[in-house]
Each structure stands twice: as structure tokens, then as C-alpha cells.
Protein backbone atom coordinates (compact mmCIF):
# COMPACT_ATOMS: atom_id res chain seq x y z
CA MET A 1 94.98 109.51 75.09
CA ASN A 2 97.79 110.77 77.20
CA GLU A 3 97.26 114.97 76.13
CA THR A 4 93.85 114.01 77.57
CA LEU A 5 94.65 112.82 80.83
CA SER A 6 97.60 114.61 81.60
CA GLY A 7 95.55 118.32 82.20
CA GLY A 8 92.70 120.04 83.03
CA SER A 9 90.34 122.21 81.87
CA ALA A 10 89.71 125.52 83.71
CA GLU A 11 86.89 126.70 81.11
CA SER A 12 84.96 123.51 81.27
CA VAL A 13 85.10 124.11 85.50
CA VAL A 14 84.08 127.84 85.39
CA SER A 15 81.17 127.06 82.54
CA GLY A 16 79.94 124.13 84.77
CA VAL A 17 79.82 126.74 87.80
CA LEU A 18 78.07 129.48 86.20
CA ARG A 19 75.73 127.14 84.71
CA LEU A 20 74.32 125.12 87.29
CA GLY A 21 75.14 127.92 90.28
CA GLY A 22 72.44 129.94 88.23
CA HIS A 23 70.21 127.14 88.25
CA ARG A 24 70.71 126.14 91.92
CA LEU A 25 70.24 129.93 92.72
CA ALA A 26 66.95 130.37 90.88
CA GLU A 27 65.48 127.32 92.61
CA LYS A 28 66.48 128.65 96.18
CA LEU A 29 65.04 132.43 95.36
CA PHE A 30 61.78 131.49 93.12
CA ARG A 31 61.38 127.62 93.86
CA ARG A 32 61.84 126.75 90.81
CA GLY A 33 63.14 123.77 88.65
CA ALA A 34 61.27 120.87 90.54
CA GLY A 35 59.20 119.78 87.65
CA THR A 36 59.40 116.20 86.42
CA ILE A 37 62.42 115.85 88.75
CA PRO A 38 61.64 116.37 92.11
CA MET A 39 64.39 115.68 94.48
CA ARG A 40 63.63 116.70 98.04
CA GLY A 41 61.19 114.96 100.40
CA ASN A 42 59.06 118.28 100.36
CA GLU A 43 58.94 117.88 96.53
CA ILE A 44 57.26 114.63 96.29
CA ASP A 45 53.50 114.09 96.76
CA ALA A 46 51.00 111.40 96.26
CA GLN A 47 49.85 112.33 92.81
CA TRP A 48 54.07 112.37 91.23
CA LEU A 49 54.33 109.15 93.01
CA THR A 50 51.14 107.66 91.44
CA SER A 51 52.41 108.78 88.15
CA VAL A 52 55.80 106.99 88.01
CA LEU A 53 55.16 103.85 89.85
CA ALA A 54 51.01 103.20 89.38
CA ALA A 55 50.66 104.48 85.70
CA GLU A 56 50.84 101.04 84.03
CA HIS A 57 48.08 99.86 86.15
CA PRO A 58 44.71 101.50 85.78
CA GLY A 59 43.11 102.59 89.19
CA ALA A 60 45.57 101.81 91.36
CA GLN A 61 47.09 104.72 93.42
CA VAL A 62 49.20 106.04 96.38
CA ASP A 63 47.51 106.63 99.50
CA SER A 64 50.28 107.65 101.37
CA PHE A 65 53.61 107.63 101.71
CA GLU A 66 56.72 108.09 104.20
CA ILE A 67 60.18 109.74 103.83
CA ARG A 68 63.30 109.34 105.54
CA ALA A 69 66.73 110.40 104.92
CA ALA A 70 69.01 108.25 104.63
CA ASP A 71 73.31 108.69 104.55
CA GLY A 72 74.63 110.88 101.52
CA GLY A 73 77.61 110.96 99.25
CA THR A 74 78.14 111.65 95.24
CA THR A 75 74.56 111.77 95.98
CA SER A 76 71.62 112.69 98.54
CA ARG A 77 69.79 109.72 99.68
CA TRP A 78 66.28 108.86 101.22
CA THR A 79 64.20 105.79 101.12
CA ALA A 80 60.19 105.30 101.48
CA THR A 81 57.59 103.47 102.53
CA ILE A 82 54.71 103.23 100.32
CA HIS A 83 51.06 102.69 101.06
CA TYR A 84 48.57 101.97 98.14
CA ASN A 85 44.88 101.83 97.59
CA GLU A 86 43.27 98.31 96.76
CA ALA A 87 43.83 98.27 93.41
CA GLY A 88 47.37 99.03 94.02
CA ARG A 89 48.06 96.52 97.08
CA GLN A 90 47.01 94.03 94.63
CA ALA A 91 49.01 95.20 91.68
CA ARG A 92 51.82 94.36 93.59
CA LEU A 93 53.25 97.70 93.25
CA PRO A 94 57.02 98.48 95.29
CA GLU A 95 56.46 99.45 98.56
CA HIS A 96 60.50 99.70 100.03
CA LEU A 97 62.19 102.66 97.42
CA PHE A 98 65.35 104.01 97.56
CA ALA A 99 66.39 107.28 96.06
CA LYS A 100 69.05 109.05 94.82
CA THR A 101 69.24 112.40 93.70
CA THR A 102 72.12 115.06 92.98
CA LEU A 103 70.55 118.07 95.70
CA THR A 104 73.35 119.72 96.22
CA PHE A 105 75.48 122.00 94.28
CA THR A 106 78.43 120.03 94.47
CA GLN A 107 76.96 116.87 93.80
CA ARG A 108 75.76 118.59 90.40
CA LEU A 109 78.88 119.89 89.62
CA THR A 110 80.64 117.23 90.38
CA GLN A 111 78.66 114.54 87.93
CA TYR A 112 78.07 117.42 85.36
CA LEU A 113 81.63 117.26 84.99
CA ALA A 114 82.17 113.70 85.50
CA HIS A 115 79.45 113.18 82.99
CA ALA A 116 78.20 111.14 84.96
CA LEU A 117 74.15 112.42 85.81
CA PRO A 118 72.33 110.33 82.77
CA GLY A 119 74.17 107.10 83.99
CA GLU A 120 72.07 105.60 86.52
CA PRO A 121 68.90 106.93 85.31
CA GLY A 122 69.49 105.63 81.93
CA PHE A 123 70.71 102.41 83.26
CA PHE A 124 67.68 101.46 85.08
CA GLN A 125 65.14 103.10 82.67
CA ASP A 126 66.43 101.34 79.48
CA LEU A 127 68.85 98.56 80.29
CA ARG A 128 68.36 96.80 83.77
CA PRO A 129 64.54 95.79 82.88
CA ARG A 130 66.50 93.19 80.44
CA LEU A 131 68.80 91.71 82.33
CA ASP A 132 68.18 88.96 85.06
CA ILE A 133 70.71 89.47 86.91
CA GLU A 134 71.23 90.15 90.94
CA ALA A 135 70.73 94.20 90.86
CA PRO A 136 67.92 96.63 92.40
CA ARG A 137 65.05 97.25 90.64
CA GLY A 138 64.64 100.35 88.60
CA TYR A 139 61.15 102.26 89.45
CA PHE A 140 61.70 105.44 87.91
CA GLY A 141 64.69 107.52 86.15
CA ALA A 142 65.43 110.97 84.95
CA ALA A 143 68.22 113.70 84.43
CA ASP A 144 68.46 117.00 83.23
CA THR A 145 71.92 117.60 82.00
CA ARG A 146 71.46 121.69 81.63
CA THR A 147 70.01 122.10 85.57
CA GLY A 148 72.21 119.33 87.08
CA ARG A 149 68.90 117.74 88.75
CA SER A 150 68.60 114.19 88.88
CA ILE A 151 66.33 111.24 90.22
CA THR A 152 66.17 107.41 90.61
CA LEU A 153 63.85 105.22 92.28
CA LEU A 154 65.38 102.06 93.12
CA GLU A 155 64.57 99.12 94.74
CA ASP A 156 65.21 99.42 98.76
CA ILE A 157 67.31 96.09 99.04
CA SER A 158 68.14 96.48 102.57
CA VAL A 159 64.17 95.56 103.33
CA THR A 160 63.50 93.67 99.95
CA LYS A 161 66.21 91.11 100.02
CA GLN A 162 67.80 92.43 103.94
CA ALA A 163 70.65 93.13 102.07
CA ARG A 164 74.52 93.14 103.82
CA PHE A 165 76.70 95.28 101.71
CA CYS A 166 80.07 94.24 101.06
CA THR A 167 82.94 96.01 102.89
CA PRO A 168 86.93 95.73 102.11
CA LEU A 169 87.41 95.24 106.33
CA GLU A 170 85.85 91.92 105.98
CA SER A 171 86.80 88.67 104.20
CA ILE A 172 84.66 87.16 101.51
CA THR A 173 84.89 83.94 100.42
CA LEU A 174 85.46 82.04 97.28
CA PRO A 175 81.80 81.48 96.57
CA GLN A 176 81.19 84.92 96.95
CA ILE A 177 83.42 86.40 94.77
CA GLN A 178 82.41 83.42 91.98
CA GLY A 179 78.84 84.78 92.39
CA LEU A 180 79.62 88.51 91.60
CA LEU A 181 81.76 87.10 89.19
CA ALA A 182 78.83 84.85 87.83
CA ASN A 183 76.22 87.83 88.10
CA MET A 184 78.97 90.23 86.04
CA ALA A 185 78.76 87.76 83.61
CA VAL A 186 75.16 87.84 82.90
CA TRP A 187 75.06 91.26 81.88
CA HIS A 188 78.50 91.12 80.06
CA GLY A 189 77.39 88.02 77.68
CA HIS A 190 73.59 89.74 77.06
CA TYR A 191 75.32 92.98 75.74
CA TRP A 192 78.45 91.47 73.92
CA GLU A 193 79.29 93.50 71.22
CA SER A 194 75.66 94.95 71.17
CA PRO A 195 74.78 97.40 68.89
CA GLU A 196 72.59 98.85 71.19
CA LEU A 197 75.64 100.22 73.13
CA ALA A 198 76.59 102.65 70.91
CA GLN A 199 73.01 103.95 70.51
CA ARG A 200 73.15 105.10 74.22
CA ASP A 201 75.26 108.34 74.04
CA TRP A 202 75.55 108.34 78.31
CA LEU A 203 77.40 105.49 77.81
CA LYS A 204 81.42 106.44 78.25
CA THR A 205 84.30 104.51 77.43
CA PRO A 206 86.48 103.85 80.20
CA GLY A 207 89.30 106.45 78.72
CA ALA A 208 86.89 108.87 78.65
CA HIS A 209 85.56 108.86 82.09
CA PHE A 210 89.00 108.55 83.44
CA ALA A 211 89.52 112.09 81.24
CA ASN A 212 86.30 113.12 83.21
CA PHE A 213 87.53 112.68 86.44
CA ASP A 214 91.13 113.96 85.57
CA ARG A 215 89.91 117.26 84.57
CA LEU A 216 87.99 117.69 87.59
CA LEU A 217 90.31 115.85 90.15
CA GLY A 218 93.78 115.90 88.53
CA MET A 219 94.53 112.31 89.06
CA LYS A 220 98.40 111.84 88.33
CA LYS A 221 98.57 114.47 91.10
CA ARG A 222 96.32 113.05 93.58
CA ALA A 223 97.92 109.61 93.49
CA THR A 224 101.71 111.25 93.90
CA VAL A 225 99.99 113.31 96.88
CA GLY A 226 98.32 110.11 98.21
CA LEU A 227 101.40 108.06 98.22
CA ARG A 228 103.38 110.75 100.03
CA ARG A 229 100.60 110.64 102.54
CA ALA A 230 100.38 106.80 102.75
CA PRO A 231 103.48 104.89 101.69
CA GLU A 232 103.15 102.08 103.86
CA ILE A 233 100.13 100.65 102.24
CA VAL A 234 101.77 100.44 98.93
CA PRO A 235 104.20 97.62 97.82
CA ASP A 236 107.93 98.90 98.60
CA THR A 237 108.85 98.02 94.68
CA LEU A 238 105.65 100.61 93.80
CA PRO A 239 107.07 104.04 94.54
CA PRO A 240 109.84 103.55 91.93
CA VAL A 241 107.38 103.04 88.99
CA GLN A 242 104.57 105.88 90.04
CA ASP A 243 105.78 107.59 87.74
CA ARG A 244 105.03 105.47 84.89
CA LEU A 245 101.98 103.59 86.47
CA TYR A 246 99.77 106.67 85.11
CA ASP A 247 101.13 106.30 81.21
CA ALA A 248 100.25 102.71 81.67
CA CYS A 249 96.89 103.20 82.98
CA ALA A 250 96.11 105.39 79.92
CA ARG A 251 97.30 102.67 77.49
CA SER A 252 95.31 100.18 79.40
CA LEU A 253 92.03 102.40 78.79
CA LEU A 254 93.26 102.71 75.34
CA ILE A 255 93.30 98.71 75.23
CA ALA A 256 89.69 98.59 76.93
CA GLU A 257 87.95 100.67 74.35
CA GLN A 258 89.95 98.62 71.42
CA SER A 259 88.83 95.57 72.87
CA PRO A 260 85.34 93.91 71.82
CA GLN A 261 82.72 96.14 73.45
CA THR A 262 80.20 95.31 76.55
CA LEU A 263 78.17 96.93 79.03
CA LEU A 264 80.23 97.53 82.12
CA HIS A 265 79.31 98.41 85.48
CA GLY A 266 81.85 101.16 85.73
CA ASP A 267 82.59 101.08 89.48
CA PRO A 268 82.20 97.30 90.69
CA HIS A 269 84.33 98.07 93.81
CA ILE A 270 83.87 95.50 96.83
CA GLY A 271 81.84 98.47 98.58
CA ASN A 272 79.68 98.35 95.49
CA ALA A 273 78.32 94.60 96.29
CA TYR A 274 75.95 92.82 98.70
CA VAL A 275 74.78 89.77 100.09
CA CYS A 276 71.35 88.74 100.48
CA ALA A 277 69.69 86.93 102.83
CA ASP A 278 69.49 84.12 100.93
CA GLY A 279 72.91 84.50 99.91
CA ALA A 280 73.30 85.54 96.36
CA MET A 281 75.86 88.32 95.46
CA GLY A 282 75.34 91.64 93.48
CA PHE A 283 75.75 95.24 92.94
CA THR A 284 74.22 98.28 93.18
CA ASP A 285 75.45 102.17 92.24
CA TRP A 286 75.40 101.81 88.52
CA GLN A 287 76.15 105.89 87.94
CA LEU A 288 79.56 105.36 86.47
CA ILE A 289 78.00 102.47 84.00
CA LEU A 290 80.20 102.26 80.99
CA ARG A 291 80.88 100.32 77.81
CA GLY A 292 84.50 98.68 77.35
CA SER A 293 86.38 95.58 78.01
CA TRP A 294 85.38 92.98 80.24
CA ALA A 295 88.20 92.85 81.83
CA PHE A 296 87.39 96.34 83.12
CA ASP A 297 84.97 95.22 85.40
CA VAL A 298 86.28 91.53 86.16
CA ALA A 299 90.06 92.97 87.41
CA TYR A 300 88.19 95.68 89.52
CA THR A 301 86.27 93.39 91.37
CA ILE A 302 88.54 90.93 91.96
CA THR A 303 91.64 93.26 92.93
CA SER A 304 89.66 95.06 95.09
CA GLY A 305 87.48 92.58 96.71
CA LEU A 306 90.23 89.91 98.00
CA GLU A 307 92.72 89.95 100.36
CA VAL A 308 96.01 90.04 99.09
CA GLU A 309 96.64 86.12 100.12
CA ASP A 310 93.48 85.18 98.81
CA ARG A 311 93.58 86.86 95.45
CA ARG A 312 97.19 84.92 94.92
CA ALA A 313 95.58 81.90 95.39
CA TRP A 314 92.55 82.17 93.73
CA GLU A 315 92.69 84.38 90.98
CA ARG A 316 93.93 82.27 88.09
CA GLU A 317 90.94 79.82 89.15
CA LEU A 318 88.47 82.90 89.09
CA ILE A 319 89.42 83.89 85.31
CA ALA A 320 88.69 80.77 84.20
CA TYR A 321 85.47 80.91 86.33
CA TYR A 322 84.39 83.83 84.76
CA ILE A 323 85.20 82.25 81.24
CA ASP A 324 82.66 79.48 81.53
CA ARG A 325 80.02 81.99 83.13
CA LEU A 326 80.68 84.23 79.79
CA HIS A 327 80.28 81.56 77.50
CA ALA A 328 76.73 80.55 79.25
CA ALA A 329 75.30 83.73 79.26
CA GLY A 330 75.99 84.06 75.40
CA GLY A 331 79.43 85.77 75.17
CA PRO A 332 82.39 84.19 73.55
CA ALA A 333 84.31 81.12 74.60
CA LEU A 334 87.49 83.59 75.21
CA ALA A 335 91.26 81.78 75.53
CA PHE A 336 92.49 81.37 78.97
CA ASP A 337 95.91 82.91 77.86
CA ASP A 338 93.89 85.76 76.43
CA ALA A 339 91.88 86.50 79.04
CA TRP A 340 94.79 86.53 81.85
CA LEU A 341 96.66 89.04 79.65
CA ALA A 342 93.56 91.14 79.89
CA TYR A 343 93.04 90.75 83.44
CA ARG A 344 96.71 91.80 84.14
CA GLN A 345 96.13 95.11 81.76
CA GLN A 346 93.09 96.17 83.52
CA CYS A 347 93.92 96.14 87.00
CA LEU A 348 95.70 99.98 86.68
CA TYR A 349 92.74 101.91 86.92
CA PRO A 350 91.62 100.55 89.83
CA TYR A 351 94.49 101.72 92.17
CA PHE A 352 94.25 105.59 90.60
CA ALA A 353 90.63 105.62 91.57
CA TRP A 354 91.39 104.86 95.16
CA MET A 355 94.51 106.19 95.65
CA ILE A 356 92.99 109.91 94.66
CA THR A 357 90.73 109.65 97.67
CA ILE A 358 93.74 109.64 100.30
CA GLY A 359 95.40 112.10 98.28
CA ARG A 360 92.31 114.40 97.88
CA SER A 361 93.11 118.21 98.48
CA ALA A 362 91.50 120.42 100.91
CA LEU A 363 88.38 121.17 98.52
CA MET A 364 87.44 118.08 97.28
CA PRO A 365 84.97 115.73 99.77
CA GLU A 366 85.85 112.54 101.54
CA PHE A 367 84.49 110.51 99.21
CA GLN A 368 84.72 106.98 101.11
CA PRO A 369 86.23 106.62 104.91
CA ALA A 370 90.00 106.48 104.72
CA ASP A 371 90.77 103.05 106.47
CA VAL A 372 88.04 101.99 103.28
CA CYS A 373 90.09 103.97 100.84
CA ARG A 374 93.43 102.21 102.62
CA ALA A 375 92.61 98.87 102.74
CA ILE A 376 91.40 99.02 98.76
CA VAL A 377 94.59 100.88 97.85
CA HIS A 378 96.71 98.26 99.63
CA ARG A 379 95.00 95.55 97.77
CA THR A 380 95.10 97.14 94.19
CA SER A 381 98.69 98.35 94.50
CA THR A 382 100.12 95.16 95.41
CA ALA A 383 97.78 93.47 92.54
CA ILE A 384 99.82 96.28 90.10
CA MET A 385 102.87 94.40 91.34
CA ASP A 386 102.19 90.71 91.60
CA LEU A 387 100.77 90.81 87.93
CA ASP A 388 103.43 93.18 86.45
CA ALA A 389 101.09 95.68 84.70
CA LEU A 390 103.44 97.69 83.40
CA ARG A 391 104.79 94.96 81.10
CA ALA A 392 101.23 93.72 80.67
CA VAL A 393 100.25 96.83 78.83
CA ASP A 394 103.24 97.50 77.14
CA PRO A 395 106.13 94.76 76.91
CA GLY A 396 108.49 97.83 76.76
CA LEU A 397 107.89 99.63 79.92
């Protein structure tokens, strides 16, 4: 694994640029490629919306709709309000949609090289319907790995549930973090060592995911640059062991692959969590969905989501709480000491995932606002040192 994580593949980048660039040029010149994966508002019509939203309801159809642009990032996004005929209204078909598409060349290339294109459409099409969790409903998903085109149509929870998204710039309460872990335990328990996980070839392991991003971004170098730019946000004890953290992260992800497998959100940082009007806590943004150890998700949520002092005060209680909720959801009854060790082992990846946003090169997009990045790096770097993650993955380190 270390060899895989230590370097990039120029050939894969060049191949991706040429392949996707050719398709993108053909779309611009010849308006070719919409097919069953329209992405822009002007590629959407009532007939297509009827086919994906009302196909199972004879007589129901979309009469009209309005589309509005939304803030983008690793995907382009828009919201839509849908108006149906009488049969559609009686069927209570979804009226408020949120769409995520890979519209730009940069979005397609990034997701192609990260092997992330099929993940979110696959989750909402194949896995989400079987889960009783707080997460948006999915209505349609499609991805073409040849062209890089993708679209996912979701419930617009900002309207349907008056959801408010969380941020590391605000504290969350103990009941709120418990709500997130209880929600997580449901999908972990449902898919615990399920044979179905291996049947979904778009479900990567944490190590494979890290290797893809490392080839794309150069995680070790970017983290080194980030530490040089913002040394004040990490504990004083971290810089002397920075070079050892990368190898320790590789070991931790290997442990996550060799542990009992379950479904992972893959990117459950606090910015992907939300609170509904009724107080329920949920997760959105499932594009980096994985399979591996439960602790990968749990460590990411706790260490990114809690203020340092709150994490220190609550984390043992939270691991015990998660163990109870996992067992209630059909998972095993984990021993606390084993679970605590697994939690310590999996707290390394979130640090690298966010330090690269501070150490990004001039060619990399700004994935997240600087103040959000700094807050999460401070939390996750402090957790690494508090939990002695180096010795957790290898007592000899």
C-alpha cells in the first residue's frame, strides 16, 4: 500500500484529460451527449422528468417546472420545483428537487480520476431505498464513466424538512452528535458484512479511495505545504511527527480494509451533516461512499464535528453509545476496548483529507472556505495527538 500511496500516475491523468476532453469538446461543438443524462437546465424537459419521476404511476405526468441555480463545488447544482397533473398530485410525487451534476470539465476529471462518478447515483438508486435513515430521498441517478456525465436527483431537504446544514464554525450539542452516530449505526448495522457490498464494484475501500486522491492531489506533499502555511492550527507536538503520520495513515486504512466490512458514508465530516426542523440529524453528500470498518465513519464524524474540549469530554461516552446503537441495528456487540482502539486508529485520514485544502496548489480548486478548513484541521490534528494515533496503528512507532 505504501508504494501505491507514495506517488502519482501521470499516464492516468493524461489519459483522463484526453478522453474526457474529447467528449467535452464534442458536446460543445455538436451538442452531443445529453441522452439519458441531461445536466443543464436547458437539457431538461417535462417529458424526461415524467420518465424518471412518474414512470411507476400510470397517467401521472409533469406539466411544468422551474429550475434555479444553486452553489456548486465538486459538482454543479440546481434546484427545481415540479408541477404535476391531477394524477401526479394524487400520487404525491416529489415536488422539490435538488440536482447534482458533473457539468464542467474539471468536475468530470476530478471525479473520474478519483473513481467517484458512480458512487452517489449508485447509493441513491440501489442502497438508499432499503435504509430507514435520515438522509435525502433519491429519485434518479445515472453516471457514464466513459464521458464523465452524471446526474443525481434528490429530495431538496432545505424545503421538505427545513434542514439547516452544520458547520465547524458552530458548536453542536451532545444529543446532536448522538443523533448523527445513531443514524450512522443504522446503515452500518444493516449492511454489516453483507455479501451485497462486494457486488457493487463502485464501493471502494478506504485505502483505494486514498490512493486515488493521492494520485490526483499528492496528499503527502500538500499536507506538508499546509503545515508550513498554517503551523499555528495544529498542536506543537504534531510537526515533529508529520512525516510519520502519512505512513501511519496508510496502515490505518489497511486495518480498515481488513476489518469486518460495512457500508460507509466515506465523507461524514460535520459540513455534510444537517439538522431538520424537528431536530433530527442526518447526512447528505454521498459521492465518496465506501466499504470498510465502521470506525472510519465514526472517527471522521466525531473528530471533525466536535470542539476539542467537547470531544475530550464526550468521546468515550459516544463510542459506548455507538456500540449500543450498532447492536440494536443488527450489528455485532462490539467490546468497548476493541472499539476504542479502532476509533483511535481511524482518526488519521480526516487530518490529511482536510490539510490538503490548506496546502492546495495554485491549480487546485478551493474545495471549502478557508475558515472551515482551518477549524476542521485544528480539531482533527489535535485528536491525532490526544489519541496517540501513531501508536494505535503500530505500537513500534
